[in-house]
Amino acid sequence: MERDSVYSRGADTRGRVELETMLGTEFAGVLSSDDFSVYNGGTITAQQKCLAHLRRHFKKVLGLPGNNNNAAVAQIFLSLIDEAFIAHESGAKDEG
């Protein structure tokens, strides 16, 4: 039976060397992180980015010039992220 676990560790730096010291060079779990660049480009099986950071990036896309599908796609993702936040807040209220 697989078990889920969460590992959190504070470090003096946020560099690639520190990340690989903690996780190794071929991490097989799911890395949940903000969008700091050190988390990109490594050998990681799966990664979950912070939804608040993603939401901020999609808001910036809405303000980009041009007539293309970027704004429509950004709006769809913003709606999905907002729904996730509402569901999370609703669940937290139900548990509390």
PDB file of N, CA and C in Angstrom:
ATOM      1  N   MET A   1       0.844  -1.180   0.000  1.00  0.00           N
ATOM      2  CA  MET A   1       0.000   0.000   0.000  1.00  0.00           C
ATOM      3  C   MET A   1       0.890   1.246   0.000  1.00  0.00           C
ATOM      4  N   GLU A   2       0.606   2.175  -0.911  1.00  0.00           N
ATOM      5  CA  GLU A   2       1.357   3.421  -0.957  1.00  0.00           C
ATOM      6  C   GLU A   2       0.854   4.370   0.107  1.00  0.00           C
ATOM      7  N   ARG A   3       1.771   5.144   0.630  1.00  0.00           N
ATOM      8  CA  ARG A   3       1.400   6.149   1.617  1.00  0.00           C
ATOM      9  C   ARG A   3       1.793   7.515   1.096  1.00  0.00           C
ATOM     10  N   ASP A   4       0.934   8.472   1.319  1.00  0.00           N
ATOM     11  CA  ASP A   4       1.242   9.845   0.952  1.00  0.00           C
ATOM     12  C   ASP A   4       1.982  10.500   2.106  1.00  0.00           C
ATOM     13  N   SER A   5       2.904  11.354   1.787  1.00  0.00           N
ATOM     14  CA  SER A   5       3.599  12.098   2.830  1.00  0.00           C
ATOM     15  C   SER A   5       3.994  13.467   2.298  1.00  0.00           C
ATOM     16  N   VAL A   6       4.207  14.365   3.200  1.00  0.00           N
ATOM     17  CA  VAL A   6       4.618  15.716   2.868  1.00  0.00           C
ATOM     18  C   VAL A   6       5.927  15.983   3.584  1.00  0.00           C
ATOM     19  N   TYR A   7       6.871  16.547   2.863  1.00  0.00           N
ATOM     20  CA  TYR A   7       8.166  16.860   3.422  1.00  0.00           C
ATOM     21  C   TYR A   7       8.411  18.347   3.236  1.00  0.00           C
ATOM     22  N   SER A   8       8.735  19.015   4.295  1.00  0.00           N
ATOM     23  CA  SER A   8       9.029  20.432   4.218  1.00  0.00           C
ATOM     24  C   SER A   8      10.314  20.692   4.994  1.00  0.00           C
ATOM     25  N   ARG A   9      11.190  21.490   4.406  1.00  0.00           N
ATOM     26  CA  ARG A   9      12.467  21.763   5.055  1.00  0.00           C
ATOM     27  C   ARG A   9      12.907  23.163   4.695  1.00  0.00           C
ATOM     28  N   GLY A  10      13.285  23.916   5.695  1.00  0.00           N
ATOM     29  CA  GLY A  10      13.837  25.241   5.464  1.00  0.00           C
ATOM     30  C   GLY A  10      15.317  25.117   5.144  1.00  0.00           C
ATOM     31  N   ALA A  11      15.823  25.984   4.306  1.00  0.00           N
ATOM     32  CA  ALA A  11      17.238  25.962   3.948  1.00  0.00           C
ATOM     33  C   ALA A  11      17.752  27.394   3.837  1.00  0.00           C
ATOM     34  N   ASP A  12      19.067  27.521   3.865  1.00  0.00           N
ATOM     35  CA  ASP A  12      19.687  28.843   3.770  1.00  0.00           C
ATOM     36  C   ASP A  12      19.578  29.431   2.363  1.00  0.00           C
ATOM     37  N   THR A  13      19.467  28.577   1.346  1.00  0.00           N
ATOM     38  CA  THR A  13      19.379  29.047  -0.029  1.00  0.00           C
ATOM     39  C   THR A  13      18.238  28.340  -0.737  1.00  0.00           C
ATOM     40  N   ARG A  14      17.897  28.826  -1.916  1.00  0.00           N
ATOM     41  CA  ARG A  14      16.879  28.186  -2.746  1.00  0.00           C
ATOM     42  C   ARG A  14      17.471  27.802  -4.086  1.00  0.00           C
ATOM     43  N   GLY A  15      18.723  27.371  -4.097  1.00  0.00           N
ATOM     44  CA  GLY A  15      19.402  27.027  -5.336  1.00  0.00           C
ATOM     45  C   GLY A  15      19.182  25.575  -5.728  1.00  0.00           C
ATOM     46  N   ARG A  16      19.573  25.249  -6.955  1.00  0.00           N
ATOM     47  CA  ARG A  16      19.436  23.893  -7.503  1.00  0.00           C
ATOM     48  C   ARG A  16      20.189  22.875  -6.648  1.00  0.00           C
ATOM     49  N   VAL A  17      21.374  23.230  -6.154  1.00  0.00           N
ATOM     50  CA  VAL A  17      22.162  22.299  -5.341  1.00  0.00           C
ATOM     51  C   VAL A  17      21.392  21.919  -4.079  1.00  0.00           C
ATOM     52  N   GLU A  18      20.785  22.893  -3.442  1.00  0.00           N
ATOM     53  CA  GLU A  18      20.002  22.626  -2.228  1.00  0.00           C
ATOM     54  C   GLU A  18      18.810  21.728  -2.542  1.00  0.00           C
ATOM     55  N   LEU A  19      18.134  21.990  -3.651  1.00  0.00           N
ATOM     56  CA  LEU A  19      16.990  21.177  -4.052  1.00  0.00           C
ATOM     57  C   LEU A  19      17.409  19.726  -4.298  1.00  0.00           C
ATOM     58  N   GLU A  20      18.502  19.537  -5.034  1.00  0.00           N
ATOM     59  CA  GLU A  20      18.968  18.177  -5.327  1.00  0.00           C
ATOM     60  C   GLU A  20      19.505  17.478  -4.080  1.00  0.00           C
ATOM     61  N   THR A  21      20.024  18.238  -3.120  1.00  0.00           N
ATOM     62  CA  THR A  21      20.456  17.647  -1.853  1.00  0.00           C
ATOM     63  C   THR A  21      19.248  17.081  -1.111  1.00  0.00           C
ATOM     64  N   MET A  22      18.138  17.790  -1.149  1.00  0.00           N
ATOM     65  CA  MET A  22      16.924  17.339  -0.457  1.00  0.00           C
ATOM     66  C   MET A  22      16.225  16.200  -1.192  1.00  0.00           C
ATOM     67  N   LEU A  23      16.096  16.318  -2.515  1.00  0.00           N
ATOM     68  CA  LEU A  23      15.264  15.389  -3.281  1.00  0.00           C
ATOM     69  C   LEU A  23      16.040  14.378  -4.113  1.00  0.00           C
ATOM     70  N   GLY A  24      17.336  14.588  -4.270  1.00  0.00           N
ATOM     71  CA  GLY A  24      18.104  13.752  -5.182  1.00  0.00           C
ATOM     72  C   GLY A  24      17.973  14.299  -6.597  1.00  0.00           C
ATOM     73  N   THR A  25      18.614  13.640  -7.535  1.00  0.00           N
ATOM     74  CA  THR A  25      18.591  14.138  -8.912  1.00  0.00           C
ATOM     75  C   THR A  25      17.427  13.578  -9.731  1.00  0.00           C
ATOM     76  N   GLU A  26      16.761  12.532  -9.238  1.00  0.00           N
ATOM     77  CA  GLU A  26      15.607  11.961  -9.943  1.00  0.00           C
ATOM     78  C   GLU A  26      14.483  11.711  -8.941  1.00  0.00           C
ATOM     79  N   PHE A  27      13.737  12.748  -8.631  1.00  0.00           N
ATOM     80  CA  PHE A  27      12.656  12.684  -7.659  1.00  0.00           C
ATOM     81  C   PHE A  27      11.430  12.033  -8.289  1.00  0.00           C
ATOM     82  N   ALA A  28      10.888  10.993  -7.653  1.00  0.00           N
ATOM     83  CA  ALA A  28       9.774  10.236  -8.231  1.00  0.00           C
ATOM     84  C   ALA A  28       8.416  10.624  -7.651  1.00  0.00           C
ATOM     85  N   GLY A  29       8.378  11.576  -6.740  1.00  0.00           N
ATOM     86  CA  GLY A  29       7.113  11.990  -6.144  1.00  0.00           C
ATOM     87  C   GLY A  29       6.516  13.178  -6.871  1.00  0.00           C
ATOM     88  N   VAL A  30       5.590  13.846  -6.212  1.00  0.00           N
ATOM     89  CA  VAL A  30       4.970  15.055  -6.746  1.00  0.00           C
ATOM     90  C   VAL A  30       5.557  16.241  -5.989  1.00  0.00           C
ATOM     91  N   LEU A  31       6.175  17.141  -6.706  1.00  0.00           N
ATOM     92  CA  LEU A  31       6.747  18.334  -6.099  1.00  0.00           C
ATOM     93  C   LEU A  31       5.722  19.455  -6.163  1.00  0.00           C
ATOM     94  N   SER A  32       5.329  19.959  -5.012  1.00  0.00           N
ATOM     95  CA  SER A  32       4.401  21.083  -4.935  1.00  0.00           C
ATOM     96  C   SER A  32       5.227  22.319  -4.600  1.00  0.00           C
ATOM     97  N   SER A  33       5.152  23.329  -5.466  1.00  0.00           N
ATOM     98  CA  SER A  33       6.047  24.471  -5.287  1.00  0.00           C
ATOM     99  C   SER A  33       5.416  25.760  -5.787  1.00  0.00           C
ATOM    100  N   ASP A  34       6.100  26.853  -5.435  1.00  0.00           N
ATOM    101  CA  ASP A  34       5.749  28.127  -6.056  1.00  0.00           C
ATOM    102  C   ASP A  34       6.364  28.129  -7.456  1.00  0.00           C
ATOM    103  N   ASP A  35       6.448  29.262  -8.090  1.00  0.00           N
ATOM    104  CA  ASP A  35       6.968  29.257  -9.459  1.00  0.00           C
ATOM    105  C   ASP A  35       8.406  29.767  -9.551  1.00  0.00           C
ATOM    106  N   PHE A  36       9.161  29.630  -8.482  1.00  0.00           N
ATOM    107  CA  PHE A  36      10.571  30.005  -8.499  1.00  0.00           C
ATOM    108  C   PHE A  36      11.296  29.123  -9.510  1.00  0.00           C
ATOM    109  N   SER A  37      12.191  29.698 -10.298  1.00  0.00           N
ATOM    110  CA  SER A  37      12.791  29.011 -11.435  1.00  0.00           C
ATOM    111  C   SER A  37      13.598  27.767 -11.081  1.00  0.00           C
ATOM    112  N   VAL A  38      14.101  27.668  -9.861  1.00  0.00           N
ATOM    113  CA  VAL A  38      14.914  26.493  -9.499  1.00  0.00           C
ATOM    114  C   VAL A  38      14.119  25.192  -9.616  1.00  0.00           C
ATOM    115  N   TYR A  39      12.802  25.262  -9.520  1.00  0.00           N
ATOM    116  CA  TYR A  39      11.971  24.060  -9.585  1.00  0.00           C
ATOM    117  C   TYR A  39      11.720  23.604 -11.022  1.00  0.00           C
ATOM    118  N   ASN A  40      12.100  24.395 -11.998  1.00  0.00           N
ATOM    119  CA  ASN A  40      11.895  24.048 -13.403  1.00  0.00           C
ATOM    120  C   ASN A  40      13.140  23.378 -13.971  1.00  0.00           C
ATOM    121  N   GLY A  41      12.963  22.448 -14.861  1.00  0.00           N
ATOM    122  CA  GLY A  41      14.078  21.868 -15.585  1.00  0.00           C
ATOM    123  C   GLY A  41      14.735  20.669 -14.937  1.00  0.00           C
ATOM    124  N   GLY A  42      14.328  20.303 -13.765  1.00  0.00           N
ATOM    125  CA  GLY A  42      14.906  19.125 -13.123  1.00  0.00           C
ATOM    126  C   GLY A  42      14.198  17.858 -13.560  1.00  0.00           C
ATOM    127  N   THR A  43      14.733  16.720 -13.128  1.00  0.00           N
ATOM    128  CA  THR A  43      14.102  15.436 -13.429  1.00  0.00           C
ATOM    129  C   THR A  43      13.085  15.140 -12.324  1.00  0.00           C
ATOM    130  N   ILE A  44      11.864  15.596 -12.533  1.00  0.00           N
ATOM    131  CA  ILE A  44      10.784  15.441 -11.554  1.00  0.00           C
ATOM    132  C   ILE A  44       9.610  14.794 -12.267  1.00  0.00           C
ATOM    133  N   THR A  45       9.077  13.732 -11.673  1.00  0.00           N
ATOM    134  CA  THR A  45       7.991  12.983 -12.300  1.00  0.00           C
ATOM    135  C   THR A  45       6.728  13.828 -12.473  1.00  0.00           C
ATOM    136  N   ALA A  46       6.344  14.546 -11.416  1.00  0.00           N
ATOM    137  CA  ALA A  46       5.123  15.349 -11.463  1.00  0.00           C
ATOM    138  C   ALA A  46       5.306  16.582 -10.595  1.00  0.00           C
ATOM    139  N   GLN A  47       4.693  17.671 -11.022  1.00  0.00           N
ATOM    140  CA  GLN A  47       4.848  18.916 -10.290  1.00  0.00           C
ATOM    141  C   GLN A  47       3.511  19.639 -10.212  1.00  0.00           C
ATOM    142  N   GLN A  48       3.211  20.168  -9.043  1.00  0.00           N
ATOM    143  CA  GLN A  48       2.010  20.977  -8.830  1.00  0.00           C
ATOM    144  C   GLN A  48       2.463  22.381  -8.478  1.00  0.00           C
ATOM    145  N   LYS A  49       2.094  23.334  -9.292  1.00  0.00           N
ATOM    146  CA  LYS A  49       2.430  24.726  -9.010  1.00  0.00           C
ATOM    147  C   LYS A  49       1.370  25.331  -8.102  1.00  0.00           C
ATOM    148  N   CYS A  50       1.769  26.314  -7.337  1.00  0.00           N
ATOM    149  CA  CYS A  50       0.857  27.038  -6.457  1.00  0.00           C
ATOM    150  C   CYS A  50      -0.234  27.709  -7.296  1.00  0.00           C
ATOM    151  N   LEU A  51      -1.490  27.453  -6.955  1.00  0.00           N
ATOM    152  CA  LEU A  51      -2.595  28.013  -7.739  1.00  0.00           C
ATOM    153  C   LEU A  51      -2.660  29.532  -7.637  1.00  0.00           C
ATOM    154  N   ALA A  52      -2.277  30.090  -6.512  1.00  0.00           N
ATOM    155  CA  ALA A  52      -2.288  31.546  -6.385  1.00  0.00           C
ATOM    156  C   ALA A  52      -1.281  32.178  -7.342  1.00  0.00           C
ATOM    157  N   HIS A  53      -0.109  31.537  -7.500  1.00  0.00           N
ATOM    158  CA  HIS A  53       0.882  32.044  -8.450  1.00  0.00           C
ATOM    159  C   HIS A  53       0.367  31.901  -9.890  1.00  0.00           C
ATOM    160  N   LEU A  54      -0.225  30.755 -10.205  1.00  0.00           N
ATOM    161  CA  LEU A  54      -0.767  30.558 -11.552  1.00  0.00           C
ATOM    162  C   LEU A  54      -1.863  31.576 -11.851  1.00  0.00           C
ATOM    163  N   ARG A  55      -2.709  31.826 -10.853  1.00  0.00           N
ATOM    164  CA  ARG A  55      -3.792  32.789 -11.029  1.00  0.00           C
ATOM    165  C   ARG A  55      -3.230  34.166 -11.377  1.00  0.00           C
ATOM    166  N   ARG A  56      -2.166  34.572 -10.686  1.00  0.00           N
ATOM    167  CA  ARG A  56      -1.533  35.860 -10.946  1.00  0.00           C
ATOM    168  C   ARG A  56      -1.019  35.930 -12.385  1.00  0.00           C
ATOM    169  N   HIS A  57      -0.416  34.847 -12.869  1.00  0.00           N
ATOM    170  CA  HIS A  57       0.105  34.827 -14.239  1.00  0.00           C
ATOM    171  C   HIS A  57      -1.026  34.909 -15.274  1.00  0.00           C
ATOM    172  N   PHE A  58      -2.128  34.194 -15.021  1.00  0.00           N
ATOM    173  CA  PHE A  58      -3.250  34.255 -15.960  1.00  0.00           C
ATOM    174  C   PHE A  58      -3.890  35.647 -15.972  1.00  0.00           C
ATOM    175  N   LYS A  59      -3.897  36.336 -14.831  1.00  0.00           N
ATOM    176  CA  LYS A  59      -4.408  37.707 -14.795  1.00  0.00           C
ATOM    177  C   LYS A  59      -3.553  38.614 -15.686  1.00  0.00           C
ATOM    178  N   LYS A  60      -2.228  38.378 -15.681  1.00  0.00           N
ATOM    179  CA  LYS A  60      -1.344  39.164 -16.551  1.00  0.00           C
ATOM    180  C   LYS A  60      -1.638  38.880 -18.014  1.00  0.00           C
ATOM    181  N   VAL A  61      -1.942  37.631 -18.350  1.00  0.00           N
ATOM    182  CA  VAL A  61      -2.251  37.266 -19.736  1.00  0.00           C
ATOM    183  C   VAL A  61      -3.479  38.028 -20.220  1.00  0.00           C
ATOM    184  N   LEU A  62      -4.463  38.238 -19.344  1.00  0.00           N
ATOM    185  CA  LEU A  62      -5.664  38.982 -19.737  1.00  0.00           C
ATOM    186  C   LEU A  62      -5.319  40.386 -20.218  1.00  0.00           C
ATOM    187  N   GLY A  63      -4.258  40.963 -19.677  1.00  0.00           N
ATOM    188  CA  GLY A  63      -3.895  42.320 -20.037  1.00  0.00           C
ATOM    189  C   GLY A  63      -2.974  42.437 -21.236  1.00  0.00           C
ATOM    190  N   LEU A  64      -2.591  41.326 -21.838  1.00  0.00           N
ATOM    191  CA  LEU A  64      -1.696  41.366 -22.990  1.00  0.00           C
ATOM    192  C   LEU A  64      -2.435  41.868 -24.231  1.00  0.00           C
ATOM    193  N   PRO A  65      -1.739  42.625 -25.085  1.00  0.00           N
ATOM    194  CA  PRO A  65      -2.386  43.125 -26.308  1.00  0.00           C
ATOM    195  C   PRO A  65      -2.509  42.026 -27.355  1.00  0.00           C
ATOM    196  N   GLY A  66      -3.383  42.250 -28.305  1.00  0.00           N
ATOM    197  CA  GLY A  66      -3.514  41.328 -29.432  1.00  0.00           C
ATOM    198  C   GLY A  66      -4.851  40.622 -29.452  1.00  0.00           C
ATOM    199  N   ASN A  67      -5.249  40.222 -30.645  1.00  0.00           N
ATOM    200  CA  ASN A  67      -6.487  39.473 -30.831  1.00  0.00           C
ATOM    201  C   ASN A  67      -6.142  38.011 -31.083  1.00  0.00           C
ATOM    202  N   ASN A  68      -6.084  37.256 -30.040  1.00  0.00           N
ATOM    203  CA  ASN A  68      -5.850  35.823 -30.168  1.00  0.00           C
ATOM    204  C   ASN A  68      -6.614  35.119 -29.053  1.00  0.00           C
ATOM    205  N   ASN A  69      -6.390  33.855 -28.909  1.00  0.00           N
ATOM    206  CA  ASN A  69      -7.142  33.087 -27.916  1.00  0.00           C
ATOM    207  C   ASN A  69      -6.551  33.151 -26.519  1.00  0.00           C
ATOM    208  N   ASN A  70      -5.447  33.869 -26.336  1.00  0.00           N
ATOM    209  CA  ASN A  70      -4.797  33.894 -25.028  1.00  0.00           C
ATOM    210  C   ASN A  70      -5.724  34.357 -23.913  1.00  0.00           C
ATOM    211  N   ALA A  71      -6.460  35.432 -24.159  1.00  0.00           N
ATOM    212  CA  ALA A  71      -7.354  35.961 -23.132  1.00  0.00           C
ATOM    213  C   ALA A  71      -8.476  34.970 -22.822  1.00  0.00           C
ATOM    214  N   ALA A  72      -9.006  34.320 -23.842  1.00  0.00           N
ATOM    215  CA  ALA A  72     -10.089  33.353 -23.618  1.00  0.00           C
ATOM    216  C   ALA A  72      -9.587  32.163 -22.804  1.00  0.00           C
ATOM    217  N   VAL A  73      -8.400  31.675 -23.150  1.00  0.00           N
ATOM    218  CA  VAL A  73      -7.821  30.549 -22.411  1.00  0.00           C
ATOM    219  C   VAL A  73      -7.516  30.970 -20.974  1.00  0.00           C
ATOM    220  N   ALA A  74      -6.945  32.168 -20.814  1.00  0.00           N
ATOM    221  CA  ALA A  74      -6.638  32.666 -19.472  1.00  0.00           C
ATOM    222  C   ALA A  74      -7.909  32.766 -18.632  1.00  0.00           C
ATOM    223  N   GLN A  75      -8.994  33.244 -19.223  1.00  0.00           N
ATOM    224  CA  GLN A  75     -10.251  33.394 -18.478  1.00  0.00           C
ATOM    225  C   GLN A  75     -10.798  32.039 -18.047  1.00  0.00           C
ATOM    226  N   ILE A  76     -10.674  31.045 -18.900  1.00  0.00           N
ATOM    227  CA  ILE A  76     -11.127  29.688 -18.540  1.00  0.00           C
ATOM    228  C   ILE A  76     -10.342  29.183 -17.334  1.00  0.00           C
ATOM    229  N   PHE A  77      -9.011  29.339 -17.382  1.00  0.00           N
ATOM    230  CA  PHE A  77      -8.202  28.871 -16.264  1.00  0.00           C
ATOM    231  C   PHE A  77      -8.457  29.677 -14.999  1.00  0.00           C
ATOM    232  N   LEU A  78      -8.671  30.978 -15.124  1.00  0.00           N
ATOM    233  CA  LEU A  78      -9.009  31.784 -13.948  1.00  0.00           C
ATOM    234  C   LEU A  78     -10.303  31.302 -13.313  1.00  0.00           C
ATOM    235  N   SER A  79     -11.278  30.990 -14.131  1.00  0.00           N
ATOM    236  CA  SER A  79     -12.553  30.482 -13.606  1.00  0.00           C
ATOM    237  C   SER A  79     -12.360  29.150 -12.883  1.00  0.00           C
ATOM    238  N   LEU A  80     -11.553  28.260 -13.462  1.00  0.00           N
ATOM    239  CA  LEU A  80     -11.294  26.962 -12.825  1.00  0.00           C
ATOM    240  C   LEU A  80     -10.558  27.127 -11.497  1.00  0.00           C
ATOM    241  N   ILE A  81      -9.567  28.001 -11.481  1.00  0.00           N
ATOM    242  CA  ILE A  81      -8.821  28.237 -10.246  1.00  0.00           C
ATOM    243  C   ILE A  81      -9.724  28.854  -9.186  1.00  0.00           C
ATOM    244  N   ASP A  82     -10.559  29.809  -9.585  1.00  0.00           N
ATOM    245  CA  ASP A  82     -11.494  30.418  -8.638  1.00  0.00           C
ATOM    246  C   ASP A  82     -12.465  29.386  -8.084  1.00  0.00           C
ATOM    247  N   GLU A  83     -12.941  28.479  -8.923  1.00  0.00           N
ATOM    248  CA  GLU A  83     -13.819  27.402  -8.452  1.00  0.00           C
ATOM    249  C   GLU A  83     -13.096  26.514  -7.443  1.00  0.00           C
ATOM    250  N   ALA A  84     -11.822  26.236  -7.699  1.00  0.00           N
ATOM    251  CA  ALA A  84     -11.047  25.409  -6.771  1.00  0.00           C
ATOM    252  C   ALA A  84     -10.900  26.106  -5.423  1.00  0.00           C
ATOM    253  N   PHE A  85     -10.645  27.423  -5.443  1.00  0.00           N
ATOM    254  CA  PHE A  85     -10.534  28.167  -4.187  1.00  0.00           C
ATOM    255  C   PHE A  85     -11.855  28.157  -3.423  1.00  0.00           C
ATOM    256  N   ILE A  86     -12.953  28.351  -4.127  1.00  0.00           N
ATOM    257  CA  ILE A  86     -14.281  28.336  -3.482  1.00  0.00           C
ATOM    258  C   ILE A  86     -14.566  26.969  -2.880  1.00  0.00           C
ATOM    259  N   ALA A  87     -14.269  25.905  -3.628  1.00  0.00           N
ATOM    260  CA  ALA A  87     -14.494  24.549  -3.120  1.00  0.00           C
ATOM    261  C   ALA A  87     -13.631  24.280  -1.891  1.00  0.00           C
ATOM    262  N   HIS A  88     -12.402  24.741  -1.916  1.00  0.00           N
ATOM    263  CA  HIS A  88     -11.508  24.549  -0.779  1.00  0.00           C
ATOM    264  C   HIS A  88     -12.033  25.280   0.450  1.00  0.00           C
ATOM    265  N   GLU A  89     -12.434  26.549   0.251  1.00  0.00           N
ATOM    266  CA  GLU A  89     -12.962  27.322   1.370  1.00  0.00           C
ATOM    267  C   GLU A  89     -14.248  26.714   1.913  1.00  0.00           C
ATOM    268  N   SER A  90     -15.095  26.219   1.041  1.00  0.00           N
ATOM    269  CA  SER A  90     -16.341  25.574   1.459  1.00  0.00           C
ATOM    270  C   SER A  90     -16.052  24.320   2.267  1.00  0.00           C
ATOM    271  N   GLY A  91     -15.104  23.520   1.802  1.00  0.00           N
ATOM    272  CA  GLY A  91     -14.737  22.299   2.521  1.00  0.00           C
ATOM    273  C   GLY A  91     -14.131  22.595   3.863  1.00  0.00           C
ATOM    274  N   ALA A  92     -13.333  23.656   3.940  1.00  0.00           N
ATOM    275  CA  ALA A  92     -12.712  24.033   5.218  1.00  0.00           C
ATOM    276  C   ALA A  92     -13.778  24.464   6.220  1.00  0.00           C
ATOM    277  N   LYS A  93     -14.819  25.155   5.744  1.00  0.00           N
ATOM    278  CA  LYS A  93     -15.907  25.573   6.632  1.00  0.00           C
ATOM    279  C   LYS A  93     -16.696  24.375   7.122  1.00  0.00           C
ATOM    280  N   ASP A  94     -16.901  23.382   6.240  1.00  0.00           N
ATOM    281  CA  ASP A  94     -17.642  22.185   6.610  1.00  0.00           C
ATOM    282  C   ASP A  94     -16.898  21.360   7.665  1.00  0.00           C
ATOM    283  N   GLU A  95     -15.571  21.382   7.597  1.00  0.00           N
ATOM    284  CA  GLU A  95     -14.763  20.605   8.539  1.00  0.00           C
ATOM    285  C   GLU A  95     -14.626  21.325   9.880  1.00  0.00           C
ATOM    286  N   GLY A  96     -14.728  22.656   9.873  1.00  0.00           N
ATOM    287  CA  GLY A  96     -14.463  23.454  11.074  1.00  0.00           C
ATOM    288  C   GLY A  96     -15.666  23.659  11.863  1.00  0.00           C
TER     289      GLY A  96
END
